Amino acid sequence: MNNKLIIPQVINCFNVYRDGDRQIGIATEVTLPEIAYKTVTIEGAGIPGSYDEAVIGNFDSIKQTIPFNNLDTRMIDFSNPMEVQNITMRASQQMGDTSIGVTSYRGIRVVEKGKCVSFNPGKIKQADKMDATVVIECMYFLLEIDGQKLIEIDKWNGVYVVNGKDLLEQSRKYC
């Protein structure tokens, strides 16, 4: 019997990379984008009412906001709408093993590719950060924990993978 209980505790450290180059000091945190399915309302004879059904592999806009502590040339590089931005976020997640009291770590990796759809140069205030932001429309999104691919969305190539299973494989056979 395995009584081992591993608790994900905290993000110990994280970095943001653009095209493989570490972007030191971008911001203190990055909120990952919401992934929302396109839905269709199902109703008709024999259905008492209606319900919304997710259309597998079809998503609403996936927008990633990247905060910058201050305006600089790196932000301007991110804001070019003519170029695809290749962004990787890597984090070290601290884990606690409650059965033996040991602390360990696992890696989290998020990869996003897309183009800038908006930017905000921020504010100017004495003795304060500017809080500038760039918003990227993600056409590719990958979430891995400890090297295991949990979610992969590739709008350009019709790929949608969850926990290693290609949810569009069967659909592509008919197209």
C-alpha atoms as a PDB file:
ATOM      1  CA  MET A   1       0.000   0.000   0.000  1.00  0.00           C
ATOM      2  CA  ASN A   2       1.390   3.388  -1.028  1.00  0.00           C
ATOM      3  CA  ASN A   3       0.502   6.163   1.420  1.00  0.00           C
ATOM      4  CA  LYS A   4       2.754   8.628  -0.367  1.00  0.00           C
ATOM      5  CA  LEU A   5       1.082  12.028  -0.730  1.00  0.00           C
ATOM      6  CA  ILE A   6       2.929  14.533  -2.877  1.00  0.00           C
ATOM      7  CA  ILE A   7       1.616  18.077  -2.559  1.00  0.00           C
ATOM      8  CA  PRO A   8       2.475  20.741  -5.165  1.00  0.00           C
ATOM      9  CA  GLN A   9       3.338  23.658  -2.884  1.00  0.00           C
ATOM     10  CA  VAL A  10       4.666  26.692  -4.701  1.00  0.00           C
ATOM     11  CA  ILE A  11       6.432  27.983  -7.807  1.00  0.00           C
ATOM     12  CA  ASN A  12       9.964  28.274  -6.453  1.00  0.00           C
ATOM     13  CA  CYS A  13      11.453  30.104  -9.436  1.00  0.00           C
ATOM     14  CA  PHE A  14      10.501  30.960 -13.025  1.00  0.00           C
ATOM     15  CA  ASN A  15      11.934  32.527 -16.160  1.00  0.00           C
ATOM     16  CA  VAL A  16      10.542  33.746 -19.467  1.00  0.00           C
ATOM     17  CA  TYR A  17      12.397  33.170 -22.749  1.00  0.00           C
ATOM     18  CA  ARG A  18      11.906  34.681 -26.204  1.00  0.00           C
ATOM     19  CA  ASP A  19      13.474  32.632 -29.003  1.00  0.00           C
ATOM     20  CA  GLY A  20      15.598  30.879 -26.367  1.00  0.00           C
ATOM     21  CA  ASP A  21      16.962  34.080 -24.793  1.00  0.00           C
ATOM     22  CA  ARG A  22      16.154  34.592 -21.122  1.00  0.00           C
ATOM     23  CA  GLN A  23      14.194  37.780 -20.491  1.00  0.00           C
ATOM     24  CA  ILE A  24      15.412  38.771 -17.028  1.00  0.00           C
ATOM     25  CA  GLY A  25      13.163  41.092 -15.035  1.00  0.00           C
ATOM     26  CA  ILE A  26      10.136  41.040 -17.306  1.00  0.00           C
ATOM     27  CA  ALA A  27       7.690  40.886 -14.407  1.00  0.00           C
ATOM     28  CA  THR A  28       7.026  39.265 -11.069  1.00  0.00           C
ATOM     29  CA  GLU A  29       4.267  37.050 -12.490  1.00  0.00           C
ATOM     30  CA  VAL A  30       2.636  35.933 -15.733  1.00  0.00           C
ATOM     31  CA  THR A  31      -0.989  34.753 -15.804  1.00  0.00           C
ATOM     32  CA  LEU A  32      -1.420  31.919 -18.297  1.00  0.00           C
ATOM     33  CA  PRO A  33      -4.173  32.340 -20.901  1.00  0.00           C
ATOM     34  CA  GLU A  34      -7.671  30.934 -20.547  1.00  0.00           C
ATOM     35  CA  ILE A  35      -8.406  28.083 -22.952  1.00  0.00           C
ATOM     36  CA  ALA A  36     -12.092  28.270 -23.945  1.00  0.00           C
ATOM     37  CA  TYR A  37     -13.744  25.945 -26.445  1.00  0.00           C
ATOM     38  CA  LYS A  38     -15.999  27.156 -29.190  1.00  0.00           C
ATOM     39  CA  THR A  39     -19.445  25.851 -28.296  1.00  0.00           C
ATOM     40  CA  VAL A  40     -22.662  25.187 -30.124  1.00  0.00           C
ATOM     41  CA  THR A  41     -26.138  25.094 -28.576  1.00  0.00           C
ATOM     42  CA  ILE A  42     -27.821  21.723 -29.080  1.00  0.00           C
ATOM     43  CA  GLU A  43     -31.604  21.664 -29.153  1.00  0.00           C
ATOM     44  CA  GLY A  44     -34.309  19.837 -31.034  1.00  0.00           C
ATOM     45  CA  ALA A  45     -36.973  17.159 -30.999  1.00  0.00           C
ATOM     46  CA  GLY A  46     -36.573  14.785 -28.052  1.00  0.00           C
ATOM     47  CA  ILE A  47     -34.272  17.144 -26.129  1.00  0.00           C
ATOM     48  CA  PRO A  48     -36.094  18.816 -23.234  1.00  0.00           C
ATOM     49  CA  GLY A  49     -34.448  22.211 -23.521  1.00  0.00           C
ATOM     50  CA  SER A  50     -30.969  22.954 -24.780  1.00  0.00           C
ATOM     51  CA  TYR A  51     -27.329  22.580 -23.812  1.00  0.00           C
ATOM     52  CA  ASP A  52     -23.978  23.813 -24.995  1.00  0.00           C
ATOM     53  CA  GLU A  53     -21.518  21.309 -26.463  1.00  0.00           C
ATOM     54  CA  ALA A  54     -17.806  21.977 -26.954  1.00  0.00           C
ATOM     55  CA  VAL A  55     -16.609  21.676 -30.550  1.00  0.00           C
ATOM     56  CA  ILE A  56     -13.478  19.548 -30.070  1.00  0.00           C
ATOM     57  CA  GLY A  57     -10.315  21.218 -31.318  1.00  0.00           C
ATOM     58  CA  ASN A  58     -12.005  24.579 -31.896  1.00  0.00           C
ATOM     59  CA  PHE A  59     -11.102  27.361 -29.503  1.00  0.00           C
ATOM     60  CA  ASP A  60     -11.962  30.956 -28.864  1.00  0.00           C
ATOM     61  CA  SER A  61      -9.138  33.444 -29.103  1.00  0.00           C
ATOM     62  CA  ILE A  62      -6.244  32.466 -26.813  1.00  0.00           C
ATOM     63  CA  LYS A  63      -4.552  35.640 -25.644  1.00  0.00           C
ATOM     64  CA  GLN A  64      -1.394  35.786 -23.522  1.00  0.00           C
ATOM     65  CA  THR A  65      -0.638  39.028 -21.712  1.00  0.00           C
ATOM     66  CA  ILE A  66       3.056  39.469 -21.001  1.00  0.00           C
ATOM     67  CA  PRO A  67       3.747  42.094 -18.349  1.00  0.00           C
ATOM     68  CA  PHE A  68       6.928  44.154 -18.272  1.00  0.00           C
ATOM     69  CA  ASN A  69       8.122  46.002 -15.202  1.00  0.00           C
ATOM     70  CA  ASN A  70       9.343  48.810 -17.434  1.00  0.00           C
ATOM     71  CA  LEU A  71       9.310  49.813 -21.078  1.00  0.00           C
ATOM     72  CA  ASP A  72      12.460  48.777 -22.938  1.00  0.00           C
ATOM     73  CA  THR A  73      13.617  47.475 -26.302  1.00  0.00           C
ATOM     74  CA  ARG A  74      12.691  43.872 -25.409  1.00  0.00           C
ATOM     75  CA  MET A  75       9.057  44.911 -25.153  1.00  0.00           C
ATOM     76  CA  ILE A  76       9.260  46.543 -28.560  1.00  0.00           C
ATOM     77  CA  ASP A  77      10.708  43.278 -29.947  1.00  0.00           C
ATOM     78  CA  PHE A  78       7.689  41.388 -28.541  1.00  0.00           C
ATOM     79  CA  SER A  79       5.255  43.953 -29.983  1.00  0.00           C
ATOM     80  CA  ASN A  80       6.182  43.519 -33.668  1.00  0.00           C
ATOM     81  CA  PRO A  81       2.946  42.195 -35.309  1.00  0.00           C
ATOM     82  CA  MET A  82       4.870  41.089 -38.410  1.00  0.00           C
ATOM     83  CA  GLU A  83       6.809  38.384 -36.554  1.00  0.00           C
ATOM     84  CA  VAL A  84       5.735  35.224 -34.775  1.00  0.00           C
ATOM     85  CA  GLN A  85       6.788  35.384 -31.145  1.00  0.00           C
ATOM     86  CA  ASN A  86       8.217  32.170 -29.699  1.00  0.00           C
ATOM     87  CA  ILE A  87       7.786  32.371 -25.924  1.00  0.00           C
ATOM     88  CA  THR A  88       8.789  29.748 -23.361  1.00  0.00           C
ATOM     89  CA  MET A  89       8.110  29.959 -19.649  1.00  0.00           C
ATOM     90  CA  ARG A  90       9.966  27.576 -17.356  1.00  0.00           C
ATOM     91  CA  ALA A  91       9.159  27.140 -13.697  1.00  0.00           C
ATOM     92  CA  SER A  92      10.446  25.060 -10.817  1.00  0.00           C
ATOM     93  CA  GLN A  93       7.519  23.767  -8.754  1.00  0.00           C
ATOM     94  CA  GLN A  94       8.341  22.881  -5.158  1.00  0.00           C
ATOM     95  CA  MET A  95       6.732  19.637  -3.987  1.00  0.00           C
ATOM     96  CA  GLY A  96       6.265  18.236  -0.487  1.00  0.00           C
ATOM     97  CA  ASP A  97       6.202  14.520   0.253  1.00  0.00           C
ATOM     98  CA  THR A  98       4.019  14.317   3.351  1.00  0.00           C
ATOM     99  CA  SER A  99       4.864  10.672   4.045  1.00  0.00           C
ATOM    100  CA  ILE A 100       8.548  11.362   4.744  1.00  0.00           C
ATOM    101  CA  GLY A 101       8.739  15.171   4.932  1.00  0.00           C
ATOM    102  CA  VAL A 102      11.042  15.587   1.928  1.00  0.00           C
ATOM    103  CA  THR A 103      10.976  18.563  -0.421  1.00  0.00           C
ATOM    104  CA  SER A 104      11.562  17.993  -4.141  1.00  0.00           C
ATOM    105  CA  TYR A 105      11.056  19.876  -7.392  1.00  0.00           C
ATOM    106  CA  ARG A 106       9.527  19.292 -10.795  1.00  0.00           C
ATOM    107  CA  GLY A 107       9.655  21.337 -13.949  1.00  0.00           C
ATOM    108  CA  ILE A 108       6.803  23.158 -15.649  1.00  0.00           C
ATOM    109  CA  ARG A 109       7.223  24.356 -19.218  1.00  0.00           C
ATOM    110  CA  VAL A 110       4.787  26.470 -21.220  1.00  0.00           C
ATOM    111  CA  VAL A 111       5.485  27.207 -24.896  1.00  0.00           C
ATOM    112  CA  GLU A 112       3.442  29.761 -26.831  1.00  0.00           C
ATOM    113  CA  LYS A 113       3.720  30.983 -30.403  1.00  0.00           C
ATOM    114  CA  GLY A 114       1.749  33.807 -31.939  1.00  0.00           C
ATOM    115  CA  LYS A 115       1.675  37.404 -33.021  1.00  0.00           C
ATOM    116  CA  CYS A 116       1.243  40.590 -31.045  1.00  0.00           C
ATOM    117  CA  VAL A 117      -2.296  41.965 -31.167  1.00  0.00           C
ATOM    118  CA  SER A 118      -1.836  44.860 -28.735  1.00  0.00           C
ATOM    119  CA  PHE A 119       0.654  46.582 -26.480  1.00  0.00           C
ATOM    120  CA  ASN A 120       0.400  49.118 -23.696  1.00  0.00           C
ATOM    121  CA  PRO A 121       3.520  51.162 -22.944  1.00  0.00           C
ATOM    122  CA  GLY A 122       2.305  51.588 -19.344  1.00  0.00           C
ATOM    123  CA  LYS A 123       2.417  54.560 -17.035  1.00  0.00           C
ATOM    124  CA  ILE A 124       5.050  57.017 -15.961  1.00  0.00           C
ATOM    125  CA  LYS A 125       5.161  57.647 -12.216  1.00  0.00           C
ATOM    126  CA  GLN A 126       8.099  58.767 -10.154  1.00  0.00           C
ATOM    127  CA  ALA A 127       9.749  55.959  -8.135  1.00  0.00           C
ATOM    128  CA  ASP A 128       7.457  53.280  -9.595  1.00  0.00           C
ATOM    129  CA  LYS A 129       7.337  50.623 -12.318  1.00  0.00           C
ATOM    130  CA  MET A 130       5.701  51.357 -15.671  1.00  0.00           C
ATOM    131  CA  ASP A 131       3.642  48.110 -15.830  1.00  0.00           C
ATOM    132  CA  ALA A 132       3.801  47.879 -19.621  1.00  0.00           C
ATOM    133  CA  THR A 133       2.129  44.902 -21.369  1.00  0.00           C
ATOM    134  CA  VAL A 134       2.154  43.062 -24.671  1.00  0.00           C
ATOM    135  CA  VAL A 135      -0.730  40.787 -25.727  1.00  0.00           C
ATOM    136  CA  ILE A 136       0.040  37.823 -28.002  1.00  0.00           C
ATOM    137  CA  GLU A 137      -2.649  35.866 -29.896  1.00  0.00           C
ATOM    138  CA  CYS A 138      -1.504  32.291 -29.254  1.00  0.00           C
ATOM    139  CA  MET A 139      -1.735  30.018 -32.268  1.00  0.00           C
ATOM    140  CA  TYR A 140       0.326  27.375 -30.471  1.00  0.00           C
ATOM    141  CA  PHE A 141       0.135  26.443 -26.776  1.00  0.00           C
ATOM    142  CA  LEU A 142       1.990  23.636 -24.985  1.00  0.00           C
ATOM    143  CA  LEU A 143       1.868  22.772 -21.274  1.00  0.00           C
ATOM    144  CA  GLU A 144       4.290  20.203 -19.863  1.00  0.00           C
ATOM    145  CA  ILE A 145       4.933  19.063 -16.317  1.00  0.00           C
ATOM    146  CA  ASP A 146       8.129  17.098 -15.717  1.00  0.00           C
ATOM    147  CA  GLY A 147       8.478  16.524 -19.470  1.00  0.00           C
ATOM    148  CA  GLN A 148       4.976  15.032 -19.806  1.00  0.00           C
ATOM    149  CA  LYS A 149       2.914  16.776 -22.472  1.00  0.00           C
ATOM    150  CA  LEU A 150      -0.417  17.612 -20.807  1.00  0.00           C
ATOM    151  CA  ILE A 151      -1.947  19.988 -23.371  1.00  0.00           C
ATOM    152  CA  GLU A 152      -0.882  20.876 -26.900  1.00  0.00           C
ATOM    153  CA  ILE A 153      -2.936  23.147 -29.146  1.00  0.00           C
ATOM    154  CA  ASP A 154      -1.672  24.025 -32.615  1.00  0.00           C
ATOM    155  CA  LYS A 155      -4.268  26.098 -34.466  1.00  0.00           C
ATOM    156  CA  TRP A 156      -2.049  26.363 -37.557  1.00  0.00           C
ATOM    157  CA  ASN A 157      -1.814  22.570 -37.985  1.00  0.00           C
ATOM    158  CA  GLY A 158      -5.081  21.296 -36.485  1.00  0.00           C
ATOM    159  CA  VAL A 159      -3.501  19.585 -33.484  1.00  0.00           C
ATOM    160  CA  TYR A 160      -5.172  19.140 -30.098  1.00  0.00           C
ATOM    161  CA  VAL A 161      -3.520  16.734 -27.645  1.00  0.00           C
ATOM    162  CA  VAL A 162      -4.572  16.125 -24.019  1.00  0.00           C
ATOM    163  CA  ASN A 163      -2.458  13.854 -21.796  1.00  0.00           C
ATOM    164  CA  GLY A 164      -0.744  12.406 -24.865  1.00  0.00           C
ATOM    165  CA  LYS A 165      -3.992  11.603 -26.701  1.00  0.00           C
ATOM    166  CA  ASP A 166      -4.609  13.263 -30.076  1.00  0.00           C
ATOM    167  CA  LEU A 167      -8.275  14.266 -29.808  1.00  0.00           C
ATOM    168  CA  LEU A 168      -8.500  15.232 -33.497  1.00  0.00           C
ATOM    169  CA  GLU A 169      -6.883  12.103 -34.957  1.00  0.00           C
ATOM    170  CA  GLN A 170     -10.208  10.448 -35.767  1.00  0.00           C
ATOM    171  CA  SER A 171     -11.705  13.663 -37.143  1.00  0.00           C
ATOM    172  CA  ARG A 172      -8.750  14.204 -39.537  1.00  0.00           C
ATOM    173  CA  LYS A 173      -9.385  10.769 -41.089  1.00  0.00           C
ATOM    174  CA  TYR A 174     -12.575  12.116 -42.650  1.00  0.00           C
ATOM    175  CA  CYS A 175     -11.177  15.369 -44.020  1.00  0.00           C
END
